[in-house]
Amino acid sequence: MPNWKRAITFGSLGAATALFLARKKPAAAALAGLGLAVLVLDNRERATSFWRDLPQWLDRTSEIVNSLADLGERLLEHRAARGGHAASF
């Protein structure tokens, strides 16, 4: 990747992170989109592979989140059974 593309990619992603932390979400999304677009244009084969595998990644991520939510519920039930105060998520 040429230096100018690298500068645009990482600069826009860094600025997007700063804007997101400053609660400027629309501007952060725009800059993140710019950085990702430059990254995708430079790595089309990898982007195509990622796009093809995305449904599998999303399914797996959903399974992990559901497992963590179940674990949290069980921990809250255990805490409530021991006489502690159950907090909600």
N, C-alpha and C. Protein backbone atom coordinates (compact mmCIF):
# COMPACT_ATOMS: atom_id res chain seq x y z
N MET A 1 0.85 -1.17 0.00
CA MET A 1 0.00 0.00 0.00
C MET A 1 0.90 1.23 0.00
N PRO A 2 0.67 2.14 -0.94
CA PRO A 2 1.47 3.37 -0.97
C PRO A 2 1.27 4.20 0.30
N ASN A 3 2.26 5.01 0.60
CA ASN A 3 2.21 5.80 1.83
C ASN A 3 1.01 6.73 1.90
N TRP A 4 0.60 7.32 0.78
CA TRP A 4 -0.52 8.25 0.82
C TRP A 4 -1.82 7.52 1.15
N LYS A 5 -1.97 6.29 0.65
CA LYS A 5 -3.17 5.52 0.98
C LYS A 5 -3.16 5.10 2.45
N ARG A 6 -2.00 4.74 2.91
CA ARG A 6 -1.86 4.37 4.32
C ARG A 6 -2.18 5.55 5.22
N ALA A 7 -1.71 6.75 4.83
CA ALA A 7 -1.98 7.95 5.62
C ALA A 7 -3.46 8.27 5.65
N ILE A 8 -4.13 8.16 4.49
CA ILE A 8 -5.57 8.41 4.45
C ILE A 8 -6.33 7.39 5.30
N THR A 9 -5.96 6.11 5.15
CA THR A 9 -6.66 5.05 5.87
C THR A 9 -6.52 5.22 7.37
N PHE A 10 -5.29 5.25 7.85
CA PHE A 10 -5.09 5.30 9.30
C PHE A 10 -5.43 6.67 9.88
N GLY A 11 -5.22 7.72 9.11
CA GLY A 11 -5.59 9.05 9.58
C GLY A 11 -7.09 9.20 9.76
N SER A 12 -7.85 8.71 8.77
CA SER A 12 -9.30 8.82 8.88
C SER A 12 -9.85 7.91 9.96
N LEU A 13 -9.28 6.71 10.12
CA LEU A 13 -9.75 5.82 11.19
C LEU A 13 -9.40 6.38 12.57
N GLY A 14 -8.23 6.98 12.70
CA GLY A 14 -7.85 7.61 13.97
C GLY A 14 -8.74 8.80 14.28
N ALA A 15 -8.99 9.63 13.27
CA ALA A 15 -9.88 10.78 13.48
C ALA A 15 -11.30 10.33 13.79
N ALA A 16 -11.74 9.25 13.14
CA ALA A 16 -13.07 8.71 13.42
C ALA A 16 -13.17 8.24 14.86
N THR A 17 -12.12 7.62 15.36
CA THR A 17 -12.11 7.18 16.76
C THR A 17 -12.21 8.37 17.70
N ALA A 18 -11.44 9.42 17.41
CA ALA A 18 -11.48 10.62 18.25
C ALA A 18 -12.86 11.27 18.21
N LEU A 19 -13.45 11.34 17.02
CA LEU A 19 -14.78 11.94 16.91
C LEU A 19 -15.84 11.08 17.61
N PHE A 20 -15.69 9.77 17.52
CA PHE A 20 -16.64 8.88 18.21
C PHE A 20 -16.56 9.08 19.72
N LEU A 21 -15.35 9.19 20.23
CA LEU A 21 -15.18 9.42 21.67
C LEU A 21 -15.70 10.79 22.08
N ALA A 22 -15.69 11.74 21.15
CA ALA A 22 -16.23 13.08 21.42
C ALA A 22 -17.74 13.13 21.15
N ARG A 23 -18.33 12.00 20.91
CA ARG A 23 -19.78 11.86 20.67
C ARG A 23 -20.25 12.59 19.41
N LYS A 24 -19.40 12.60 18.41
CA LYS A 24 -19.75 13.17 17.10
C LYS A 24 -19.92 11.99 16.13
N LYS A 25 -20.95 11.19 16.37
CA LYS A 25 -21.10 9.93 15.65
C LYS A 25 -21.29 10.06 14.14
N PRO A 26 -22.08 10.99 13.62
CA PRO A 26 -22.21 11.08 12.16
C PRO A 26 -20.88 11.37 11.47
N ALA A 27 -20.11 12.30 12.02
CA ALA A 27 -18.81 12.62 11.43
C ALA A 27 -17.85 11.43 11.57
N ALA A 28 -17.92 10.73 12.70
CA ALA A 28 -17.07 9.56 12.90
C ALA A 28 -17.40 8.48 11.89
N ALA A 29 -18.68 8.26 11.65
CA ALA A 29 -19.08 7.25 10.67
C ALA A 29 -18.60 7.61 9.27
N ALA A 30 -18.68 8.88 8.91
CA ALA A 30 -18.23 9.31 7.59
C ALA A 30 -16.74 9.08 7.41
N LEU A 31 -15.95 9.46 8.41
CA LEU A 31 -14.50 9.27 8.30
C LEU A 31 -14.12 7.79 8.34
N ALA A 32 -14.82 7.00 9.15
CA ALA A 32 -14.54 5.57 9.17
C ALA A 32 -14.87 4.95 7.82
N GLY A 33 -15.95 5.40 7.21
CA GLY A 33 -16.31 4.90 5.88
C GLY A 33 -15.25 5.24 4.84
N LEU A 34 -14.71 6.44 4.92
CA LEU A 34 -13.64 6.84 4.00
C LEU A 34 -12.41 5.95 4.18
N GLY A 35 -12.01 5.75 5.42
CA GLY A 35 -10.84 4.91 5.67
C GLY A 35 -11.04 3.48 5.21
N LEU A 36 -12.22 2.94 5.47
CA LEU A 36 -12.49 1.57 5.04
C LEU A 36 -12.60 1.47 3.52
N ALA A 37 -13.13 2.48 2.88
CA ALA A 37 -13.23 2.46 1.42
C ALA A 37 -11.85 2.43 0.78
N VAL A 38 -10.93 3.24 1.28
CA VAL A 38 -9.57 3.24 0.74
C VAL A 38 -8.91 1.89 1.00
N LEU A 39 -9.13 1.34 2.16
CA LEU A 39 -8.56 0.03 2.49
C LEU A 39 -9.10 -1.05 1.58
N VAL A 40 -10.41 -1.03 1.32
CA VAL A 40 -11.03 -2.04 0.45
C VAL A 40 -10.54 -1.89 -0.98
N LEU A 41 -10.41 -0.67 -1.47
CA LEU A 41 -9.96 -0.47 -2.84
C LEU A 41 -8.55 -0.98 -3.06
N ASP A 42 -7.74 -0.97 -2.01
CA ASP A 42 -6.37 -1.44 -2.15
C ASP A 42 -6.26 -2.95 -1.98
N ASN A 43 -7.23 -3.58 -1.34
CA ASN A 43 -7.19 -5.02 -1.07
C ASN A 43 -8.49 -5.67 -1.51
N ARG A 44 -8.77 -5.64 -2.78
CA ARG A 44 -10.06 -6.13 -3.27
C ARG A 44 -10.26 -7.62 -3.04
N GLU A 45 -9.20 -8.43 -3.20
CA GLU A 45 -9.35 -9.87 -3.00
C GLU A 45 -9.70 -10.19 -1.56
N ARG A 46 -9.01 -9.54 -0.64
CA ARG A 46 -9.28 -9.77 0.78
C ARG A 46 -10.67 -9.27 1.16
N ALA A 47 -11.08 -8.15 0.58
CA ALA A 47 -12.41 -7.60 0.86
C ALA A 47 -13.49 -8.53 0.34
N THR A 48 -13.28 -9.08 -0.85
CA THR A 48 -14.24 -10.02 -1.41
C THR A 48 -14.36 -11.26 -0.54
N SER A 49 -13.23 -11.77 -0.10
CA SER A 49 -13.22 -12.94 0.79
C SER A 49 -13.93 -12.63 2.10
N PHE A 50 -13.65 -11.47 2.67
CA PHE A 50 -14.30 -11.07 3.92
C PHE A 50 -15.82 -10.96 3.73
N TRP A 51 -16.24 -10.33 2.63
CA TRP A 51 -17.66 -10.15 2.37
C TRP A 51 -18.36 -11.50 2.21
N ARG A 52 -17.69 -12.45 1.58
CA ARG A 52 -18.25 -13.77 1.38
C ARG A 52 -18.38 -14.51 2.71
N ASP A 53 -17.42 -14.32 3.60
CA ASP A 53 -17.42 -15.02 4.89
C ASP A 53 -18.17 -14.28 5.99
N LEU A 54 -18.65 -13.07 5.71
CA LEU A 54 -19.29 -12.24 6.73
C LEU A 54 -20.48 -12.91 7.40
N PRO A 55 -21.39 -13.59 6.68
CA PRO A 55 -22.51 -14.22 7.38
C PRO A 55 -22.07 -15.24 8.43
N GLN A 56 -21.02 -15.99 8.15
CA GLN A 56 -20.51 -16.96 9.13
C GLN A 56 -19.95 -16.25 10.35
N TRP A 57 -19.23 -15.14 10.14
CA TRP A 57 -18.69 -14.37 11.26
C TRP A 57 -19.81 -13.79 12.11
N LEU A 58 -20.84 -13.28 11.46
CA LEU A 58 -21.96 -12.70 12.20
C LEU A 58 -22.71 -13.77 13.00
N ASP A 59 -22.89 -14.94 12.42
CA ASP A 59 -23.54 -16.03 13.16
C ASP A 59 -22.72 -16.40 14.38
N ARG A 60 -21.44 -16.54 14.21
CA ARG A 60 -20.56 -16.91 15.33
C ARG A 60 -20.56 -15.82 16.40
N THR A 61 -20.50 -14.57 15.98
CA THR A 61 -20.53 -13.47 16.94
C THR A 61 -21.84 -13.45 17.71
N SER A 62 -22.93 -13.71 17.02
CA SER A 62 -24.24 -13.77 17.68
C SER A 62 -24.28 -14.89 18.71
N GLU A 63 -23.71 -16.03 18.40
CA GLU A 63 -23.64 -17.14 19.36
C GLU A 63 -22.85 -16.75 20.60
N ILE A 64 -21.74 -16.07 20.40
CA ILE A 64 -20.90 -15.65 21.53
C ILE A 64 -21.64 -14.65 22.41
N VAL A 65 -22.30 -13.66 21.79
CA VAL A 65 -23.03 -12.66 22.56
C VAL A 65 -24.16 -13.31 23.34
N ASN A 66 -24.88 -14.24 22.71
CA ASN A 66 -25.96 -14.93 23.42
C ASN A 66 -25.43 -15.76 24.58
N SER A 67 -24.30 -16.41 24.39
CA SER A 67 -23.70 -17.19 25.47
C SER A 67 -23.29 -16.29 26.63
N LEU A 68 -22.72 -15.14 26.33
CA LEU A 68 -22.34 -14.20 27.38
C LEU A 68 -23.57 -13.65 28.11
N ALA A 69 -24.65 -13.40 27.39
CA ALA A 69 -25.88 -12.92 28.02
C ALA A 69 -26.45 -14.00 28.94
N ASP A 70 -26.43 -15.25 28.50
CA ASP A 70 -26.90 -16.35 29.35
C ASP A 70 -26.04 -16.47 30.60
N LEU A 71 -24.75 -16.35 30.44
CA LEU A 71 -23.85 -16.42 31.59
C LEU A 71 -24.15 -15.29 32.58
N GLY A 72 -24.37 -14.08 32.06
CA GLY A 72 -24.70 -12.96 32.92
C GLY A 72 -26.00 -13.19 33.69
N GLU A 73 -26.99 -13.75 33.01
CA GLU A 73 -28.26 -14.05 33.68
C GLU A 73 -28.07 -15.09 34.78
N ARG A 74 -27.29 -16.11 34.48
CA ARG A 74 -27.04 -17.14 35.50
C ARG A 74 -26.29 -16.58 36.70
N LEU A 75 -25.34 -15.69 36.44
CA LEU A 75 -24.61 -15.07 37.55
C LEU A 75 -25.54 -14.22 38.40
N LEU A 76 -26.44 -13.48 37.77
CA LEU A 76 -27.40 -12.67 38.52
C LEU A 76 -28.34 -13.55 39.34
N GLU A 77 -28.79 -14.67 38.76
CA GLU A 77 -29.65 -15.59 39.50
C GLU A 77 -28.92 -16.18 40.69
N HIS A 78 -27.66 -16.53 40.48
CA HIS A 78 -26.86 -17.10 41.57
C HIS A 78 -26.67 -16.07 42.68
N ARG A 79 -26.40 -14.85 42.29
CA ARG A 79 -26.21 -13.79 43.29
C ARG A 79 -27.51 -13.54 44.06
N ALA A 80 -28.64 -13.53 43.35
CA ALA A 80 -29.93 -13.32 44.01
C ALA A 80 -30.25 -14.48 44.98
N ALA A 81 -29.88 -15.69 44.58
CA ALA A 81 -30.15 -16.85 45.44
C ALA A 81 -29.31 -16.81 46.71
N ARG A 82 -28.15 -16.17 46.65
CA ARG A 82 -27.27 -16.07 47.82
C ARG A 82 -27.63 -14.87 48.68
N GLY A 83 -28.66 -14.14 48.30
CA GLY A 83 -29.08 -13.01 49.12
C GLY A 83 -28.52 -11.68 48.68
N GLY A 84 -27.79 -11.65 47.60
CA GLY A 84 -27.25 -10.39 47.10
C GLY A 84 -28.30 -9.65 46.31
N HIS A 85 -28.00 -8.45 45.96
CA HIS A 85 -28.91 -7.65 45.16
C HIS A 85 -28.64 -7.92 43.69
N ALA A 86 -29.69 -8.24 42.97
CA ALA A 86 -29.53 -8.52 41.55
C ALA A 86 -29.63 -7.22 40.77
N ALA A 87 -28.63 -6.93 40.02
CA ALA A 87 -28.64 -5.74 39.17
C ALA A 87 -29.11 -6.13 37.78
N SER A 88 -29.66 -5.19 37.07
CA SER A 88 -30.08 -5.49 35.71
C SER A 88 -29.07 -4.92 34.73
N PHE A 89 -29.03 -5.51 33.55
CA PHE A 89 -28.10 -5.05 32.51
C PHE A 89 -28.75 -4.00 31.68
